[in-house]
Amino acid sequence: MSSRIFRAVIVTTLGTSLVLSAVPAAHAALGGSPMTPPDGSTVSTRVMHSTSSAASAASSSASSTAAASYTVRETTLGSGTVVREYLSQAGTVFGIAWSGPQMPDLDSLLGTYFPQYVDGLTAARAARGGRGPASVQSDTLVVQSGGHMGAFAGNAWLPQALPAGVSGSDIQ
């Protein structure tokens, strides 16, 4: 490799590192506490109510006590990426969804589940090739992620932590 090409590679690598380090990380943890919004982000919150099929079959007074409520906290990062956290009544994150021009820091978003995601992704990519949307599904973790430069989207949830009446398709 000529020295000119080598210098170009080094400059490009350093420039990319500086740009990526300037993007604030979102610090939420699946199975833990919601993120602390980085500077320059906006946050909105809404309380959701779900009813299980058993609750809808019961009388109205019983269904109001059987309904699960959870909170969706939407954070728009300075980059334009939107991260939605799904919080149980106890304040624990049981699901996360994201969409926007930049991929969020999945290491931070998935917390202690990140190694399980990497292992599942490695196995899936070995089985079908290294390209395309990422999908990891187990009894304890589901992650779906895809997109391309400028348009990323995905979601992750803990099946065992979903409130009654909430399914993985609600995490979007």
N, C-alpha and C. Protein backbone atom coordinates (compact mmCIF):
# COMPACT_ATOMS: atom_id res chain seq x y z
N MET A 1 0.86 -1.17 0.00
CA MET A 1 0.00 0.00 0.00
C MET A 1 0.91 1.24 0.00
N SER A 2 0.62 2.18 -0.85
CA SER A 2 1.46 3.37 -0.91
C SER A 2 1.22 4.23 0.33
N SER A 3 2.20 5.09 0.62
CA SER A 3 2.08 5.93 1.81
C SER A 3 0.92 6.92 1.68
N ARG A 4 0.61 7.31 0.46
CA ARG A 4 -0.51 8.24 0.25
C ARG A 4 -1.85 7.58 0.60
N ILE A 5 -2.03 6.35 0.18
CA ILE A 5 -3.26 5.62 0.50
C ILE A 5 -3.31 5.33 1.99
N PHE A 6 -2.16 4.96 2.56
CA PHE A 6 -2.10 4.68 3.99
C PHE A 6 -2.51 5.91 4.79
N ARG A 7 -2.01 7.10 4.42
CA ARG A 7 -2.38 8.34 5.12
C ARG A 7 -3.87 8.62 4.97
N ALA A 8 -4.42 8.37 3.78
CA ALA A 8 -5.85 8.60 3.56
C ALA A 8 -6.69 7.69 4.45
N VAL A 9 -6.27 6.44 4.59
CA VAL A 9 -6.99 5.50 5.45
C VAL A 9 -6.92 5.96 6.91
N ILE A 10 -5.75 6.38 7.37
CA ILE A 10 -5.59 6.86 8.74
C ILE A 10 -6.44 8.09 9.00
N VAL A 11 -6.41 9.05 8.09
CA VAL A 11 -7.20 10.28 8.25
C VAL A 11 -8.69 9.96 8.29
N THR A 12 -9.15 9.08 7.41
CA THR A 12 -10.56 8.69 7.38
C THR A 12 -10.95 7.99 8.68
N THR A 13 -10.10 7.09 9.16
CA THR A 13 -10.38 6.38 10.40
C THR A 13 -10.44 7.33 11.59
N LEU A 14 -9.49 8.24 11.67
CA LEU A 14 -9.49 9.21 12.76
C LEU A 14 -10.72 10.13 12.69
N GLY A 15 -11.07 10.56 11.50
CA GLY A 15 -12.25 11.42 11.33
C GLY A 15 -13.52 10.72 11.74
N THR A 16 -13.66 9.47 11.35
CA THR A 16 -14.83 8.69 11.73
C THR A 16 -14.88 8.51 13.24
N SER A 17 -13.74 8.23 13.86
CA SER A 17 -13.69 8.07 15.32
C SER A 17 -14.11 9.34 16.03
N LEU A 18 -13.66 10.49 15.54
CA LEU A 18 -14.04 11.76 16.16
C LEU A 18 -15.52 12.03 16.02
N VAL A 19 -16.09 11.75 14.86
CA VAL A 19 -17.52 11.97 14.65
C VAL A 19 -18.33 11.06 15.55
N LEU A 20 -17.96 9.78 15.63
CA LEU A 20 -18.71 8.85 16.46
C LEU A 20 -18.58 9.17 17.94
N SER A 21 -17.42 9.66 18.37
CA SER A 21 -17.27 10.00 19.78
C SER A 21 -18.03 11.26 20.14
N ALA A 22 -18.39 12.08 19.14
CA ALA A 22 -19.14 13.31 19.41
C ALA A 22 -20.63 13.03 19.57
N VAL A 23 -21.10 11.84 19.15
CA VAL A 23 -22.50 11.48 19.26
C VAL A 23 -22.74 10.97 20.67
N PRO A 24 -23.62 11.64 21.44
CA PRO A 24 -23.84 11.18 22.81
C PRO A 24 -24.55 9.84 22.83
N ALA A 25 -24.14 8.98 23.72
CA ALA A 25 -24.75 7.67 23.84
C ALA A 25 -26.05 7.78 24.63
N ALA A 26 -27.00 6.95 24.27
CA ALA A 26 -28.24 6.87 25.02
C ALA A 26 -28.03 5.80 26.10
N HIS A 27 -28.22 6.13 27.35
CA HIS A 27 -27.91 5.21 28.43
C HIS A 27 -29.18 4.66 29.06
N ALA A 28 -29.82 3.76 28.40
CA ALA A 28 -30.93 3.01 28.95
C ALA A 28 -30.45 1.58 29.06
N ALA A 29 -31.10 0.80 29.83
CA ALA A 29 -30.72 -0.60 29.91
C ALA A 29 -31.96 -1.46 29.92
N LEU A 30 -32.07 -2.32 28.94
CA LEU A 30 -33.17 -3.26 28.89
C LEU A 30 -33.12 -4.10 30.17
N GLY A 31 -34.23 -4.16 30.86
CA GLY A 31 -34.28 -4.86 32.13
C GLY A 31 -33.88 -4.00 33.31
N GLY A 32 -33.55 -2.73 33.05
CA GLY A 32 -33.11 -1.83 34.10
C GLY A 32 -33.86 -0.52 34.06
N SER A 33 -33.17 0.55 34.40
CA SER A 33 -33.76 1.88 34.47
C SER A 33 -33.80 2.55 33.10
N PRO A 34 -34.72 3.50 32.91
CA PRO A 34 -34.75 4.24 31.64
C PRO A 34 -33.53 5.14 31.50
N MET A 35 -33.28 5.56 30.26
CA MET A 35 -32.11 6.37 29.97
C MET A 35 -32.20 7.76 30.58
N THR A 36 -31.05 8.32 30.83
CA THR A 36 -30.94 9.73 31.17
C THR A 36 -30.79 10.44 29.84
N PRO A 37 -31.74 11.30 29.48
CA PRO A 37 -31.68 11.93 28.16
C PRO A 37 -30.42 12.77 28.00
N PRO A 38 -29.68 12.58 26.90
CA PRO A 38 -28.50 13.40 26.66
C PRO A 38 -28.89 14.85 26.37
N ASP A 39 -27.94 15.76 26.55
CA ASP A 39 -28.19 17.16 26.22
C ASP A 39 -28.66 17.28 24.78
N GLY A 40 -29.59 18.19 24.55
CA GLY A 40 -30.09 18.42 23.20
C GLY A 40 -31.19 17.48 22.77
N SER A 41 -31.66 16.61 23.66
CA SER A 41 -32.74 15.70 23.30
C SER A 41 -34.06 16.18 23.90
N THR A 42 -35.15 15.69 23.35
CA THR A 42 -36.48 16.01 23.88
C THR A 42 -37.15 14.71 24.32
N VAL A 43 -37.98 14.81 25.35
CA VAL A 43 -38.62 13.62 25.92
C VAL A 43 -40.12 13.86 26.04
N SER A 44 -40.90 12.85 25.66
CA SER A 44 -42.34 12.88 25.92
C SER A 44 -42.72 11.53 26.53
N THR A 45 -43.77 11.52 27.32
CA THR A 45 -44.19 10.32 28.02
C THR A 45 -45.69 10.15 27.88
N ARG A 46 -46.12 8.90 27.72
CA ARG A 46 -47.56 8.62 27.71
C ARG A 46 -47.81 7.29 28.41
N VAL A 47 -48.90 7.22 29.13
CA VAL A 47 -49.27 6.00 29.85
C VAL A 47 -50.21 5.22 28.96
N MET A 48 -49.93 3.93 28.83
CA MET A 48 -50.73 3.04 27.99
C MET A 48 -51.44 2.03 28.88
N HIS A 49 -52.57 1.55 28.43
CA HIS A 49 -53.30 0.51 29.14
C HIS A 49 -53.55 -0.63 28.19
N SER A 50 -53.25 -1.82 28.62
CA SER A 50 -53.53 -2.99 27.81
C SER A 50 -54.46 -3.89 28.59
N THR A 51 -55.19 -4.69 27.87
CA THR A 51 -56.06 -5.65 28.53
C THR A 51 -55.77 -7.01 27.95
N SER A 52 -55.70 -7.98 28.80
CA SER A 52 -55.49 -9.35 28.33
C SER A 52 -56.82 -9.88 27.82
N SER A 53 -56.78 -10.96 27.06
CA SER A 53 -58.03 -11.53 26.55
C SER A 53 -58.92 -12.00 27.70
N ALA A 54 -58.33 -12.44 28.78
CA ALA A 54 -59.12 -12.85 29.94
C ALA A 54 -59.81 -11.65 30.56
N ALA A 55 -59.12 -10.52 30.57
CA ALA A 55 -59.71 -9.32 31.16
C ALA A 55 -60.86 -8.81 30.31
N SER A 56 -60.73 -8.90 28.99
CA SER A 56 -61.79 -8.39 28.14
C SER A 56 -63.02 -9.28 28.20
N ALA A 57 -62.83 -10.55 28.55
CA ALA A 57 -63.97 -11.45 28.67
C ALA A 57 -64.67 -11.29 30.02
N ALA A 58 -63.98 -10.69 30.98
CA ALA A 58 -64.55 -10.50 32.32
C ALA A 58 -65.45 -9.27 32.34
N SER A 59 -66.10 -9.07 33.47
CA SER A 59 -66.96 -7.90 33.60
C SER A 59 -66.12 -6.63 33.60
N SER A 60 -66.76 -5.48 33.38
CA SER A 60 -66.02 -4.22 33.27
C SER A 60 -65.31 -3.87 34.57
N SER A 61 -65.87 -4.16 35.73
CA SER A 61 -65.19 -3.82 36.98
C SER A 61 -63.96 -4.71 37.16
N ALA A 62 -64.06 -5.96 36.77
CA ALA A 62 -62.91 -6.86 36.89
C ALA A 62 -61.85 -6.52 35.85
N SER A 63 -62.28 -6.11 34.66
CA SER A 63 -61.30 -5.82 33.62
C SER A 63 -60.48 -4.59 33.93
N SER A 64 -61.03 -3.65 34.67
CA SER A 64 -60.25 -2.46 35.01
C SER A 64 -59.13 -2.81 35.97
N THR A 65 -59.33 -3.83 36.83
CA THR A 65 -58.25 -4.22 37.72
C THR A 65 -57.28 -5.16 37.02
N ALA A 66 -57.72 -5.88 35.98
CA ALA A 66 -56.85 -6.82 35.27
C ALA A 66 -56.05 -6.11 34.17
N ALA A 67 -56.41 -4.89 33.83
CA ALA A 67 -55.69 -4.17 32.79
C ALA A 67 -54.28 -3.83 33.27
N ALA A 68 -53.32 -4.07 32.40
CA ALA A 68 -51.93 -3.71 32.73
C ALA A 68 -51.66 -2.31 32.18
N SER A 69 -51.02 -1.50 32.96
CA SER A 69 -50.62 -0.21 32.44
C SER A 69 -49.11 -0.17 32.37
N TYR A 70 -48.62 0.54 31.39
CA TYR A 70 -47.18 0.72 31.23
C TYR A 70 -46.96 2.10 30.62
N THR A 71 -45.75 2.56 30.66
CA THR A 71 -45.42 3.89 30.17
C THR A 71 -44.51 3.77 28.96
N VAL A 72 -44.79 4.59 27.95
CA VAL A 72 -43.91 4.69 26.79
C VAL A 72 -43.24 6.05 26.89
N ARG A 73 -41.94 6.02 26.96
CA ARG A 73 -41.14 7.24 27.07
C ARG A 73 -40.36 7.40 25.78
N GLU A 74 -40.65 8.46 25.06
CA GLU A 74 -40.03 8.69 23.75
C GLU A 74 -39.00 9.80 23.85
N THR A 75 -37.77 9.50 23.47
CA THR A 75 -36.68 10.46 23.51
C THR A 75 -36.18 10.68 22.09
N THR A 76 -36.20 11.92 21.65
CA THR A 76 -35.63 12.27 20.35
C THR A 76 -34.24 12.82 20.61
N LEU A 77 -33.25 12.08 20.15
CA LEU A 77 -31.86 12.48 20.35
C LEU A 77 -31.51 13.64 19.42
N GLY A 78 -30.44 14.32 19.72
CA GLY A 78 -29.99 15.44 18.89
C GLY A 78 -29.73 15.03 17.46
N SER A 79 -29.40 13.77 17.22
CA SER A 79 -29.13 13.26 15.87
C SER A 79 -30.41 13.07 15.06
N GLY A 80 -31.57 13.12 15.74
CA GLY A 80 -32.84 12.87 15.06
C GLY A 80 -33.35 11.46 15.29
N THR A 81 -32.54 10.59 15.87
CA THR A 81 -32.98 9.23 16.16
C THR A 81 -33.94 9.26 17.34
N VAL A 82 -35.02 8.52 17.22
CA VAL A 82 -36.04 8.44 18.26
C VAL A 82 -35.91 7.09 18.96
N VAL A 83 -35.82 7.12 20.29
CA VAL A 83 -35.75 5.90 21.10
C VAL A 83 -36.99 5.89 21.99
N ARG A 84 -37.77 4.80 21.88
CA ARG A 84 -38.94 4.63 22.72
C ARG A 84 -38.65 3.53 23.75
N GLU A 85 -38.83 3.87 25.01
CA GLU A 85 -38.63 2.91 26.09
C GLU A 85 -40.00 2.52 26.64
N TYR A 86 -40.20 1.24 26.83
CA TYR A 86 -41.45 0.72 27.37
C TYR A 86 -41.17 0.31 28.81
N LEU A 87 -41.85 1.01 29.74
CA LEU A 87 -41.56 0.84 31.17
C LEU A 87 -42.72 0.16 31.88
N SER A 88 -42.39 -0.79 32.74
CA SER A 88 -43.41 -1.44 33.56
C SER A 88 -43.88 -0.47 34.64
N GLN A 89 -44.89 -0.86 35.37
CA GLN A 89 -45.37 -0.02 36.47
C GLN A 89 -44.29 0.21 37.51
N ALA A 90 -43.34 -0.72 37.62
CA ALA A 90 -42.24 -0.58 38.57
C ALA A 90 -41.12 0.31 38.03
N GLY A 91 -41.23 0.75 36.77
CA GLY A 91 -40.22 1.62 36.18
C GLY A 91 -39.08 0.90 35.48
N THR A 92 -39.23 -0.40 35.27
CA THR A 92 -38.20 -1.20 34.60
C THR A 92 -38.46 -1.23 33.09
N VAL A 93 -37.41 -1.10 32.29
CA VAL A 93 -37.53 -1.13 30.83
C VAL A 93 -37.70 -2.58 30.38
N PHE A 94 -38.86 -2.88 29.77
CA PHE A 94 -39.09 -4.23 29.25
C PHE A 94 -39.02 -4.28 27.74
N GLY A 95 -38.99 -3.12 27.10
CA GLY A 95 -38.88 -3.07 25.65
C GLY A 95 -38.30 -1.75 25.19
N ILE A 96 -37.65 -1.77 24.04
CA ILE A 96 -37.05 -0.57 23.45
C ILE A 96 -37.27 -0.64 21.95
N ALA A 97 -37.57 0.51 21.35
CA ALA A 97 -37.67 0.60 19.89
C ALA A 97 -36.91 1.85 19.46
N TRP A 98 -36.38 1.84 18.25
CA TRP A 98 -35.64 2.99 17.75
C TRP A 98 -35.86 3.15 16.26
N SER A 99 -35.74 4.38 15.79
CA SER A 99 -35.80 4.68 14.36
C SER A 99 -35.13 6.02 14.14
N GLY A 100 -34.44 6.13 13.02
CA GLY A 100 -33.81 7.41 12.72
C GLY A 100 -32.58 7.28 11.86
N PRO A 101 -31.92 8.40 11.66
CA PRO A 101 -30.79 8.44 10.74
C PRO A 101 -29.51 7.80 11.28
N GLN A 102 -29.41 7.62 12.60
CA GLN A 102 -28.23 7.00 13.19
C GLN A 102 -28.64 5.83 14.05
N MET A 103 -27.84 4.78 14.00
CA MET A 103 -28.07 3.62 14.85
C MET A 103 -27.72 3.99 16.29
N PRO A 104 -28.61 3.72 17.25
CA PRO A 104 -28.26 4.02 18.65
C PRO A 104 -27.20 3.03 19.15
N ASP A 105 -26.64 3.32 20.28
CA ASP A 105 -25.63 2.47 20.90
C ASP A 105 -26.34 1.27 21.54
N LEU A 106 -26.35 0.15 20.82
CA LEU A 106 -27.06 -1.03 21.32
C LEU A 106 -26.41 -1.61 22.57
N ASP A 107 -25.14 -1.42 22.73
CA ASP A 107 -24.47 -1.88 23.95
C ASP A 107 -25.11 -1.23 25.17
N SER A 108 -25.35 0.08 25.09
CA SER A 108 -25.99 0.79 26.20
C SER A 108 -27.46 0.44 26.31
N LEU A 109 -28.16 0.38 25.18
CA LEU A 109 -29.60 0.13 25.21
C LEU A 109 -29.93 -1.28 25.72
N LEU A 110 -29.13 -2.26 25.33
CA LEU A 110 -29.42 -3.63 25.73
C LEU A 110 -28.82 -4.00 27.08
N GLY A 111 -27.91 -3.20 27.57
CA GLY A 111 -27.33 -3.43 28.90
C GLY A 111 -26.74 -4.82 29.04
N THR A 112 -27.14 -5.53 30.09
CA THR A 112 -26.58 -6.86 30.35
C THR A 112 -26.99 -7.89 29.31
N TYR A 113 -27.96 -7.58 28.47
CA TYR A 113 -28.41 -8.50 27.42
C TYR A 113 -27.58 -8.36 26.14
N PHE A 114 -26.68 -7.37 26.08
CA PHE A 114 -25.89 -7.16 24.87
C PHE A 114 -25.04 -8.37 24.49
N PRO A 115 -24.33 -9.02 25.42
CA PRO A 115 -23.55 -10.21 25.03
C PRO A 115 -24.44 -11.32 24.44
N GLN A 116 -25.62 -11.50 24.99
CA GLN A 116 -26.55 -12.50 24.46
C GLN A 116 -26.96 -12.14 23.03
N TYR A 117 -27.19 -10.84 22.78
CA TYR A 117 -27.51 -10.37 21.43
C TYR A 117 -26.36 -10.65 20.47
N VAL A 118 -25.15 -10.33 20.87
CA VAL A 118 -23.98 -10.54 20.00
C VAL A 118 -23.82 -12.03 19.69
N ASP A 119 -23.97 -12.89 20.69
CA ASP A 119 -23.86 -14.33 20.47
C ASP A 119 -24.93 -14.82 19.50
N GLY A 120 -26.16 -14.38 19.69
CA GLY A 120 -27.26 -14.78 18.81
C GLY A 120 -27.07 -14.26 17.39
N LEU A 121 -26.60 -13.03 17.29
CA LEU A 121 -26.36 -12.43 15.97
C LEU A 121 -25.23 -13.16 15.25
N THR A 122 -24.17 -13.50 15.96
CA THR A 122 -23.06 -14.23 15.37
C THR A 122 -23.52 -15.58 14.84
N ALA A 123 -24.33 -16.28 15.60
CA ALA A 123 -24.85 -17.58 15.17
C ALA A 123 -25.76 -17.43 13.96
N ALA A 124 -26.64 -16.42 13.98
CA ALA A 124 -27.57 -16.21 12.86
C ALA A 124 -26.82 -15.85 11.58
N ARG A 125 -25.82 -14.99 11.70
CA ARG A 125 -25.05 -14.58 10.53
C ARG A 125 -24.21 -15.74 9.98
N ALA A 126 -23.71 -16.59 10.86
CA ALA A 126 -22.94 -17.75 10.40
C ALA A 126 -23.84 -18.71 9.63
N ALA A 127 -25.10 -18.82 10.07
CA ALA A 127 -26.04 -19.75 9.44
C ALA A 127 -26.54 -19.26 8.09
N ARG A 128 -26.71 -17.93 7.91
CA ARG A 128 -27.31 -17.43 6.67
C ARG A 128 -26.49 -16.39 5.95
N GLY A 129 -25.33 -16.07 6.42
CA GLY A 129 -24.50 -15.06 5.76
C GLY A 129 -24.45 -13.79 6.58
N GLY A 130 -23.55 -12.90 6.24
CA GLY A 130 -23.28 -11.73 7.06
C GLY A 130 -24.03 -10.48 6.73
N ARG A 131 -25.00 -10.52 5.85
CA ARG A 131 -25.70 -9.30 5.47
C ARG A 131 -27.18 -9.39 5.78
N GLY A 132 -27.83 -8.24 5.75
CA GLY A 132 -29.27 -8.20 5.94
C GLY A 132 -29.66 -7.79 7.34
N PRO A 133 -30.95 -7.73 7.58
CA PRO A 133 -31.46 -7.33 8.90
C PRO A 133 -31.00 -8.31 9.98
N ALA A 134 -30.84 -7.79 11.16
CA ALA A 134 -30.44 -8.62 12.30
C ALA A 134 -31.66 -9.05 13.08
N SER A 135 -31.72 -10.32 13.40
CA SER A 135 -32.83 -10.83 14.20
C SER A 135 -32.30 -11.89 15.15
N VAL A 136 -32.54 -11.67 16.43
CA VAL A 136 -32.15 -12.62 17.46
C VAL A 136 -33.40 -12.90 18.28
N GLN A 137 -33.70 -14.18 18.45
CA GLN A 137 -34.90 -14.53 19.20
C GLN A 137 -34.61 -15.70 20.11
N SER A 138 -34.88 -15.50 21.40
CA SER A 138 -34.74 -16.58 22.39
C SER A 138 -35.86 -16.44 23.40
N ASP A 139 -35.88 -17.31 24.38
CA ASP A 139 -36.91 -17.24 25.42
C ASP A 139 -36.75 -16.00 26.29
N THR A 140 -35.53 -15.44 26.35
CA THR A 140 -35.27 -14.32 27.25
C THR A 140 -35.04 -12.99 26.55
N LEU A 141 -34.81 -13.01 25.23
CA LEU A 141 -34.50 -11.76 24.50
C LEU A 141 -34.91 -11.87 23.05
N VAL A 142 -35.54 -10.80 22.56
CA VAL A 142 -35.85 -10.68 21.14
C VAL A 142 -35.32 -9.33 20.68
N VAL A 143 -34.53 -9.34 19.60
CA VAL A 143 -34.01 -8.11 19.01
C VAL A 143 -34.18 -8.20 17.50
N GLN A 144 -34.75 -7.16 16.90
CA GLN A 144 -34.91 -7.06 15.46
C GLN A 144 -34.36 -5.70 15.06
N SER A 145 -33.42 -5.70 14.13
CA SER A 145 -32.79 -4.45 13.75
C SER A 145 -32.45 -4.47 12.26
N GLY A 146 -32.66 -3.35 11.61
CA GLY A 146 -32.34 -3.28 10.18
C GLY A 146 -32.26 -1.85 9.72
N GLY A 147 -32.09 -1.70 8.43
CA GLY A 147 -32.03 -0.38 7.84
C GLY A 147 -30.76 -0.20 7.03
N HIS A 148 -30.50 1.04 6.73
CA HIS A 148 -29.32 1.40 5.96
C HIS A 148 -28.90 2.81 6.36
N MET A 149 -27.77 3.25 5.84
CA MET A 149 -27.24 4.56 6.19
C MET A 149 -28.34 5.62 6.09
N GLY A 150 -28.61 6.29 7.20
CA GLY A 150 -29.60 7.35 7.23
C GLY A 150 -31.01 6.92 7.59
N ALA A 151 -31.25 5.61 7.71
CA ALA A 151 -32.59 5.12 8.04
C ALA A 151 -32.50 3.78 8.76
N PHE A 152 -32.34 3.84 10.08
CA PHE A 152 -32.24 2.62 10.89
C PHE A 152 -33.49 2.47 11.74
N ALA A 153 -33.87 1.23 12.00
CA ALA A 153 -35.02 0.97 12.86
C ALA A 153 -34.84 -0.39 13.51
N GLY A 154 -35.44 -0.54 14.67
CA GLY A 154 -35.39 -1.83 15.33
C GLY A 154 -36.13 -1.81 16.64
N ASN A 155 -36.20 -2.97 17.26
CA ASN A 155 -36.82 -3.07 18.57
C ASN A 155 -36.23 -4.25 19.32
N ALA A 156 -36.40 -4.22 20.61
CA ALA A 156 -35.92 -5.29 21.47
C ALA A 156 -36.86 -5.39 22.66
N TRP A 157 -37.07 -6.60 23.14
CA TRP A 157 -37.91 -6.77 24.33
C TRP A 157 -37.56 -8.05 25.05
N LEU A 158 -38.00 -8.09 26.29
CA LEU A 158 -37.80 -9.25 27.15
C LEU A 158 -39.14 -9.98 27.24
N PRO A 159 -39.30 -11.10 26.56
CA PRO A 159 -40.61 -11.79 26.54
C PRO A 159 -41.15 -12.09 27.94
N GLN A 160 -40.27 -12.47 28.87
CA GLN A 160 -40.71 -12.82 30.22
C GLN A 160 -41.13 -11.61 31.03
N ALA A 161 -40.79 -10.41 30.59
CA ALA A 161 -41.10 -9.19 31.34
C ALA A 161 -42.28 -8.41 30.77
N LEU A 162 -42.85 -8.88 29.65
CA LEU A 162 -43.99 -8.16 29.06
C LEU A 162 -45.17 -8.18 30.01
N PRO A 163 -45.79 -7.02 30.26
CA PRO A 163 -46.99 -7.00 31.11
C PRO A 163 -48.13 -7.79 30.46
N ALA A 164 -49.08 -8.20 31.27
CA ALA A 164 -50.24 -8.92 30.77
C ALA A 164 -50.93 -8.10 29.67
N GLY A 165 -51.25 -8.74 28.57
CA GLY A 165 -51.94 -8.06 27.47
C GLY A 165 -51.02 -7.34 26.51
N VAL A 166 -49.71 -7.35 26.75
CA VAL A 166 -48.75 -6.69 25.86
C VAL A 166 -47.97 -7.77 25.12
N SER A 167 -47.82 -7.60 23.81
CA SER A 167 -47.04 -8.57 23.03
C SER A 167 -45.85 -7.87 22.39
N GLY A 168 -44.97 -8.63 21.84
CA GLY A 168 -43.80 -8.06 21.17
C GLY A 168 -44.17 -7.12 20.04
N SER A 169 -45.30 -7.34 19.40
CA SER A 169 -45.72 -6.47 18.29
C SER A 169 -46.12 -5.07 18.79
N ASP A 170 -46.33 -4.92 20.09
CA ASP A 170 -46.63 -3.60 20.66
C ASP A 170 -45.38 -2.75 20.82
N ILE A 171 -44.21 -3.36 20.76
CA ILE A 171 -42.93 -2.64 20.92
C ILE A 171 -42.52 -2.16 19.55
N GLN A 172 -42.85 -0.90 19.25
CA GLN A 172 -42.54 -0.35 17.92
C GLN A 172 -42.29 1.13 17.96
